[in-house]
C-alpha atoms as a PDB file:
ATOM      1  CA  UNK A   1      20.304   1.828 -13.130  1.00  0.00           C
ATOM      2  CA  UNK A   2      18.097  -0.937 -14.804  1.00  0.00           C
ATOM      3  CA  UNK A   3      17.152  -2.190 -11.563  1.00  0.00           C
ATOM      4  CA  UNK A   4      15.746   1.250 -10.958  1.00  0.00           C
ATOM      5  CA  UNK A   5      13.910   1.611 -13.890  1.00  0.00           C
ATOM      6  CA  UNK A   6      12.006  -1.832 -13.801  1.00  0.00           C
ATOM      7  CA  UNK A   7      11.308  -1.064 -10.192  1.00  0.00           C
ATOM      8  CA  UNK A   8      10.297   2.143 -10.826  1.00  0.00           C
ATOM      9  CA  UNK A   9       8.332   1.204 -13.804  1.00  0.00           C
ATOM     10  CA  UNK A  10       6.714  -1.569 -11.583  1.00  0.00           C
ATOM     11  CA  UNK A  11       5.166   0.333  -8.136  1.00  0.00           C
ATOM     12  CA  UNK A  12       4.240   3.163 -10.123  1.00  0.00           C
ATOM     13  CA  UNK A  13       2.226   0.996 -12.914  1.00  0.00           C
ATOM     14  CA  UNK A  14       0.938  -0.899 -10.012  1.00  0.00           C
ATOM     15  CA  UNK A  15      -0.261   2.114  -7.739  1.00  0.00           C
ATOM     16  CA  UNK A  16      -1.842   4.233 -10.552  1.00  0.00           C
ATOM     17  CA  UNK A  17      -2.844   1.762 -13.229  1.00  0.00           C
ATOM     18  CA  UNK A  18      -4.381  -0.319 -10.298  1.00  0.00           C
ATOM     19  CA  UNK A  19      -6.329   2.356  -8.643  1.00  0.00           C
ATOM     20  CA  UNK A  20      -7.567   4.155 -11.830  1.00  0.00           C
ATOM     21  CA  UNK A  21      -8.430   1.285 -14.048  1.00  0.00           C
ATOM     22  CA  UNK A  22      -8.324  -2.121 -12.372  1.00  0.00           C
ATOM     23  CA  UNK A  23      -9.555  -1.591  -9.047  1.00  0.00           C
ATOM     24  CA  UNK A  24     -12.881  -0.101  -9.974  1.00  0.00           C
ATOM     25  CA  UNK A  25     -13.049  -2.950 -12.628  1.00  0.00           C
ATOM     26  CA  UNK A  26     -12.651  -5.321 -10.101  1.00  0.00           C
ATOM     27  CA  UNK A  27     -14.386  -3.951  -7.023  1.00  0.00           C
ATOM     28  CA  UNK A  28     -17.328  -5.877  -5.172  1.00  0.00           C
ATOM     29  CA  UNK A  29     -20.112  -3.888  -4.061  1.00  0.00           C
ATOM     30  CA  UNK A  30     -17.633  -0.947  -3.499  1.00  0.00           C
ATOM     31  CA  UNK A  31     -14.908  -2.551  -2.000  1.00  0.00           C
ATOM     32  CA  UNK A  32     -11.492  -2.699  -4.146  1.00  0.00           C
ATOM     33  CA  UNK A  33      -8.178  -3.587  -3.135  1.00  0.00           C
ATOM     34  CA  UNK A  34      -5.672  -0.439  -2.295  1.00  0.00           C
ATOM     35  CA  UNK A  35      -3.156  -0.757  -5.024  1.00  0.00           C
ATOM     36  CA  UNK A  36      -1.505   2.430  -3.886  1.00  0.00           C
ATOM     37  CA  UNK A  37      -0.502   0.441  -0.591  1.00  0.00           C
ATOM     38  CA  UNK A  38       0.518  -2.785  -2.401  1.00  0.00           C
ATOM     39  CA  UNK A  39       2.711  -0.746  -4.788  1.00  0.00           C
ATOM     40  CA  UNK A  40       4.013   0.776  -1.508  1.00  0.00           C
ATOM     41  CA  UNK A  41       4.835  -2.677  -0.320  1.00  0.00           C
ATOM     42  CA  UNK A  42       6.483  -3.879  -3.190  1.00  0.00           C
ATOM     43  CA  UNK A  43       8.599  -0.746  -3.267  1.00  0.00           C
ATOM     44  CA  UNK A  44       9.732  -1.043   0.018  1.00  0.00           C
ATOM     45  CA  UNK A  45      10.585  -4.681  -0.340  1.00  0.00           C
ATOM     46  CA  UNK A  46      12.609  -4.130  -3.516  1.00  0.00           C
ATOM     47  CA  UNK A  47      14.054  -0.641  -2.434  1.00  0.00           C
ATOM     48  CA  UNK A  48      14.502  -0.397   1.454  1.00  0.00           C
ATOM     49  CA  UNK A  49      13.003   2.496   3.587  1.00  0.00           C
ATOM     50  CA  UNK A  50      14.076   5.827   1.931  1.00  0.00           C
ATOM     51  CA  UNK A  51      12.552   5.433  -1.227  1.00  0.00           C
ATOM     52  CA  UNK A  52       9.386   3.729  -0.266  1.00  0.00           C
ATOM     53  CA  UNK A  53       9.157   6.839   2.313  1.00  0.00           C
ATOM     54  CA  UNK A  54       9.643   9.213  -0.192  1.00  0.00           C
ATOM     55  CA  UNK A  55       7.288   7.163  -2.681  1.00  0.00           C
ATOM     56  CA  UNK A  56       4.683   7.051   0.215  1.00  0.00           C
ATOM     57  CA  UNK A  57       4.965  10.890   0.550  1.00  0.00           C
ATOM     58  CA  UNK A  58       4.482  11.415  -3.110  1.00  0.00           C
ATOM     59  CA  UNK A  59       1.611   9.054  -3.790  1.00  0.00           C
ATOM     60  CA  UNK A  60      -0.120  10.432  -0.707  1.00  0.00           C
ATOM     61  CA  UNK A  61      -0.063  13.927  -1.916  1.00  0.00           C
ATOM     62  CA  UNK A  62      -1.210  12.918  -5.386  1.00  0.00           C
ATOM     63  CA  UNK A  63      -4.206  11.150  -3.953  1.00  0.00           C
ATOM     64  CA  UNK A  64      -4.852  14.020  -1.338  1.00  0.00           C
ATOM     65  CA  UNK A  65      -5.102  16.342  -4.475  1.00  0.00           C
ATOM     66  CA  UNK A  66      -8.727  14.920  -4.920  1.00  0.00           C
ATOM     67  CA  UNK A  67      -9.811  16.315  -1.542  1.00  0.00           C
ATOM     68  CA  UNK A  68      -8.292  19.483  -0.343  1.00  0.00           C
ATOM     69  CA  UNK A  69      -9.987  19.814   2.905  1.00  0.00           C
ATOM     70  CA  UNK A  70      -7.521  16.797   3.909  1.00  0.00           C
ATOM     71  CA  UNK A  71      -4.626  17.406   2.135  1.00  0.00           C
ATOM     72  CA  UNK A  72      -1.730  15.932   3.517  1.00  0.00           C
ATOM     73  CA  UNK A  73      -3.095  13.213   5.281  1.00  0.00           C
ATOM     74  CA  UNK A  74      -2.461  10.313   3.020  1.00  0.00           C
ATOM     75  CA  UNK A  75       1.167  11.398   2.909  1.00  0.00           C
ATOM     76  CA  UNK A  76       1.187  11.588   6.639  1.00  0.00           C
ATOM     77  CA  UNK A  77       0.028   8.016   6.715  1.00  0.00           C
ATOM     78  CA  UNK A  78       2.171   6.400   3.942  1.00  0.00           C
ATOM     79  CA  UNK A  79       5.374   8.150   4.439  1.00  0.00           C
ATOM     80  CA  UNK A  80       6.029   6.416   7.840  1.00  0.00           C
ATOM     81  CA  UNK A  81       4.279   3.505   6.508  1.00  0.00           C
ATOM     82  CA  UNK A  82       6.595   3.209   3.803  1.00  0.00           C
ATOM     83  CA  UNK A  83       9.715   3.558   6.201  1.00  0.00           C
ATOM     84  CA  UNK A  84       8.595   0.775   8.339  1.00  0.00           C
ATOM     85  CA  UNK A  85       7.814  -1.388   5.597  1.00  0.00           C
ATOM     86  CA  UNK A  86      11.089  -0.823   4.241  1.00  0.00           C
ATOM     87  CA  UNK A  87      12.708  -1.786   7.284  1.00  0.00           C
ATOM     88  CA  UNK A  88      11.045  -5.018   7.117  1.00  0.00           C
ATOM     89  CA  UNK A  89      12.831  -5.679   3.770  1.00  0.00           C
ATOM     90  CA  UNK A  90      15.532  -8.567   4.358  1.00  0.00           C
ATOM     91  CA  UNK A  91      13.769 -10.047   7.689  1.00  0.00           C
ATOM     92  CA  UNK A  92      10.714 -11.375   5.552  1.00  0.00           C
ATOM     93  CA  UNK A  93      10.758 -15.269   4.309  1.00  0.00           C
ATOM     94  CA  UNK A  94      10.089 -14.231   0.292  1.00  0.00           C
ATOM     95  CA  UNK A  95       8.103 -16.840  -1.289  1.00  0.00           C
ATOM     96  CA  UNK A  96       5.305 -17.508   1.433  1.00  0.00           C
ATOM     97  CA  UNK A  97       1.973 -16.059   0.264  1.00  0.00           C
ATOM     98  CA  UNK A  98       0.539 -15.860   3.687  1.00  0.00           C
ATOM     99  CA  UNK A  99       3.387 -13.812   4.988  1.00  0.00           C
ATOM    100  CA  UNK A 100       3.070 -11.262   1.949  1.00  0.00           C
ATOM    101  CA  UNK A 101      -0.590 -11.522   2.250  1.00  0.00           C
ATOM    102  CA  UNK A 102      -0.579 -10.621   5.752  1.00  0.00           C
ATOM    103  CA  UNK A 103       1.945  -7.907   5.040  1.00  0.00           C
ATOM    104  CA  UNK A 104       0.103  -5.987   2.836  1.00  0.00           C
ATOM    105  CA  UNK A 105      -3.654  -6.615   4.881  1.00  0.00           C
ATOM    106  CA  UNK A 106      -1.768  -5.442   8.072  1.00  0.00           C
ATOM    107  CA  UNK A 107      -0.261  -2.292   5.906  1.00  0.00           C
ATOM    108  CA  UNK A 108      -3.673  -1.577   4.493  1.00  0.00           C
ATOM    109  CA  UNK A 109      -5.020  -1.612   7.794  1.00  0.00           C
ATOM    110  CA  UNK A 110      -2.669  -0.045   9.733  1.00  0.00           C
ATOM    111  CA  UNK A 111      -2.822   3.098   7.218  1.00  0.00           C
ATOM    112  CA  UNK A 112      -6.690   3.539   7.222  1.00  0.00           C
ATOM    113  CA  UNK A 113      -6.577   3.087  11.209  1.00  0.00           C
ATOM    114  CA  UNK A 114      -4.460   6.119  11.449  1.00  0.00           C
ATOM    115  CA  UNK A 115      -6.364   7.720   8.562  1.00  0.00           C
ATOM    116  CA  UNK A 116      -9.615   7.032  10.176  1.00  0.00           C
ATOM    117  CA  UNK A 117      -8.259   8.558  13.800  1.00  0.00           C
ATOM    118  CA  UNK A 118      -7.501  11.680  12.462  1.00  0.00           C
ATOM    119  CA  UNK A 119     -10.338  11.914   9.949  1.00  0.00           C
ATOM    120  CA  UNK A 120     -13.242  11.225  12.379  1.00  0.00           C
ATOM    121  CA  UNK A 121     -11.352  13.201  15.375  1.00  0.00           C
ATOM    122  CA  UNK A 122     -11.536  10.283  17.771  1.00  0.00           C
ATOM    123  CA  UNK A 123     -15.290  10.160  17.453  1.00  0.00           C
ATOM    124  CA  UNK A 124     -16.354   6.474  17.931  1.00  0.00           C
ATOM    125  CA  UNK A 125     -19.051   6.398  15.264  1.00  0.00           C
ATOM    126  CA  UNK A 126     -16.974   8.131  12.657  1.00  0.00           C
ATOM    127  CA  UNK A 127     -14.077   5.501  13.320  1.00  0.00           C
ATOM    128  CA  UNK A 128     -15.638   2.070  13.947  1.00  0.00           C
ATOM    129  CA  UNK A 129     -18.231   2.231  11.096  1.00  0.00           C
ATOM    130  CA  UNK A 130     -15.796   2.551   8.348  1.00  0.00           C
ATOM    131  CA  UNK A 131     -13.108   0.931  10.028  1.00  0.00           C
ATOM    132  CA  UNK A 132     -15.383  -2.386  10.030  1.00  0.00           C
ATOM    133  CA  UNK A 133     -17.361  -1.522   7.205  1.00  0.00           C
ATOM    134  CA  UNK A 134     -15.093  -0.551   4.690  1.00  0.00           C
ATOM    135  CA  UNK A 135     -11.127  -0.769   5.923  1.00  0.00           C
ATOM    136  CA  UNK A 136     -11.518  -4.153   7.015  1.00  0.00           C
ATOM    137  CA  UNK A 137     -12.690  -5.649   3.814  1.00  0.00           C
ATOM    138  CA  UNK A 138     -10.521  -3.529   1.607  1.00  0.00           C
ATOM    139  CA  UNK A 139      -7.328  -5.036   3.649  1.00  0.00           C
ATOM    140  CA  UNK A 140      -8.458  -8.726   3.091  1.00  0.00           C
ATOM    141  CA  UNK A 141      -9.119  -8.198  -0.424  1.00  0.00           C
ATOM    142  CA  UNK A 142      -5.698  -6.161  -0.765  1.00  0.00           C
ATOM    143  CA  UNK A 143      -4.165  -9.150   0.990  1.00  0.00           C
ATOM    144  CA  UNK A 144      -5.713 -11.496  -1.678  1.00  0.00           C
ATOM    145  CA  UNK A 145      -4.763  -9.316  -4.481  1.00  0.00           C
ATOM    146  CA  UNK A 146      -1.546  -8.206  -3.445  1.00  0.00           C
ATOM    147  CA  UNK A 147      -0.054 -12.028  -3.432  1.00  0.00           C
ATOM    148  CA  UNK A 148       0.149 -12.619  -7.065  1.00  0.00           C
ATOM    149  CA  UNK A 149       1.313  -9.009  -7.617  1.00  0.00           C
ATOM    150  CA  UNK A 150       4.220  -9.568  -5.324  1.00  0.00           C
ATOM    151  CA  UNK A 151       4.710 -13.108  -6.783  1.00  0.00           C
ATOM    152  CA  UNK A 152       4.859 -11.686 -10.024  1.00  0.00           C
ATOM    153  CA  UNK A 153       7.571  -8.996  -8.957  1.00  0.00           C
ATOM    154  CA  UNK A 154       9.619 -11.857  -7.452  1.00  0.00           C
ATOM    155  CA  UNK A 155       9.373 -13.640 -10.760  1.00  0.00           C
ATOM    156  CA  UNK A 156      10.632 -10.356 -12.329  1.00  0.00           C
ATOM    157  CA  UNK A 157      13.498 -10.641 -10.167  1.00  0.00           C
ATOM    158  CA  UNK A 158      12.866  -7.079  -8.333  1.00  0.00           C
ATOM    159  CA  UNK A 159      12.528  -8.755  -4.889  1.00  0.00           C
ATOM    160  CA  UNK A 160      14.976 -10.233  -2.514  1.00  0.00           C
ATOM    161  CA  UNK A 161      17.652  -8.058  -2.699  1.00  0.00           C
ATOM    162  CA  UNK A 162      19.702  -6.766   0.442  1.00  0.00           C
ATOM    163  CA  UNK A 163      21.315  -3.382   1.536  1.00  0.00           C
END
């Protein structure tokens, strides 16, 4: 029960405090890390696929409340991403910043590719311009910011457990 509370407090704190307070504060020309994906990576590596899938769905729905025309799209993108990240648990080498940063960056990029494909309705301009101009820098920035957060979670003893 103690691990559950520690993991839950950590990923909720990273997702909501990161996106609402820290993200705007450290943004560079409108590019801020995607703390909700960083939190999803943390939860998936700490708890596995089922909690990460459920959390991805819930966090996605909360994000979708601000844009009712796309209600459910973030949830649709984050739930399978959480499952896939949870399946990576136990297959990653913990403690390598390059691996951890790459997982976060690729997760952000994968989420944004699916999101933009649905949102753009397969239009080239509506897909490629935001992908290259917004999603790629956000993915790189998220990977860089995600490494110290994951290292902090590992220092707390949250990561590295097996099913």
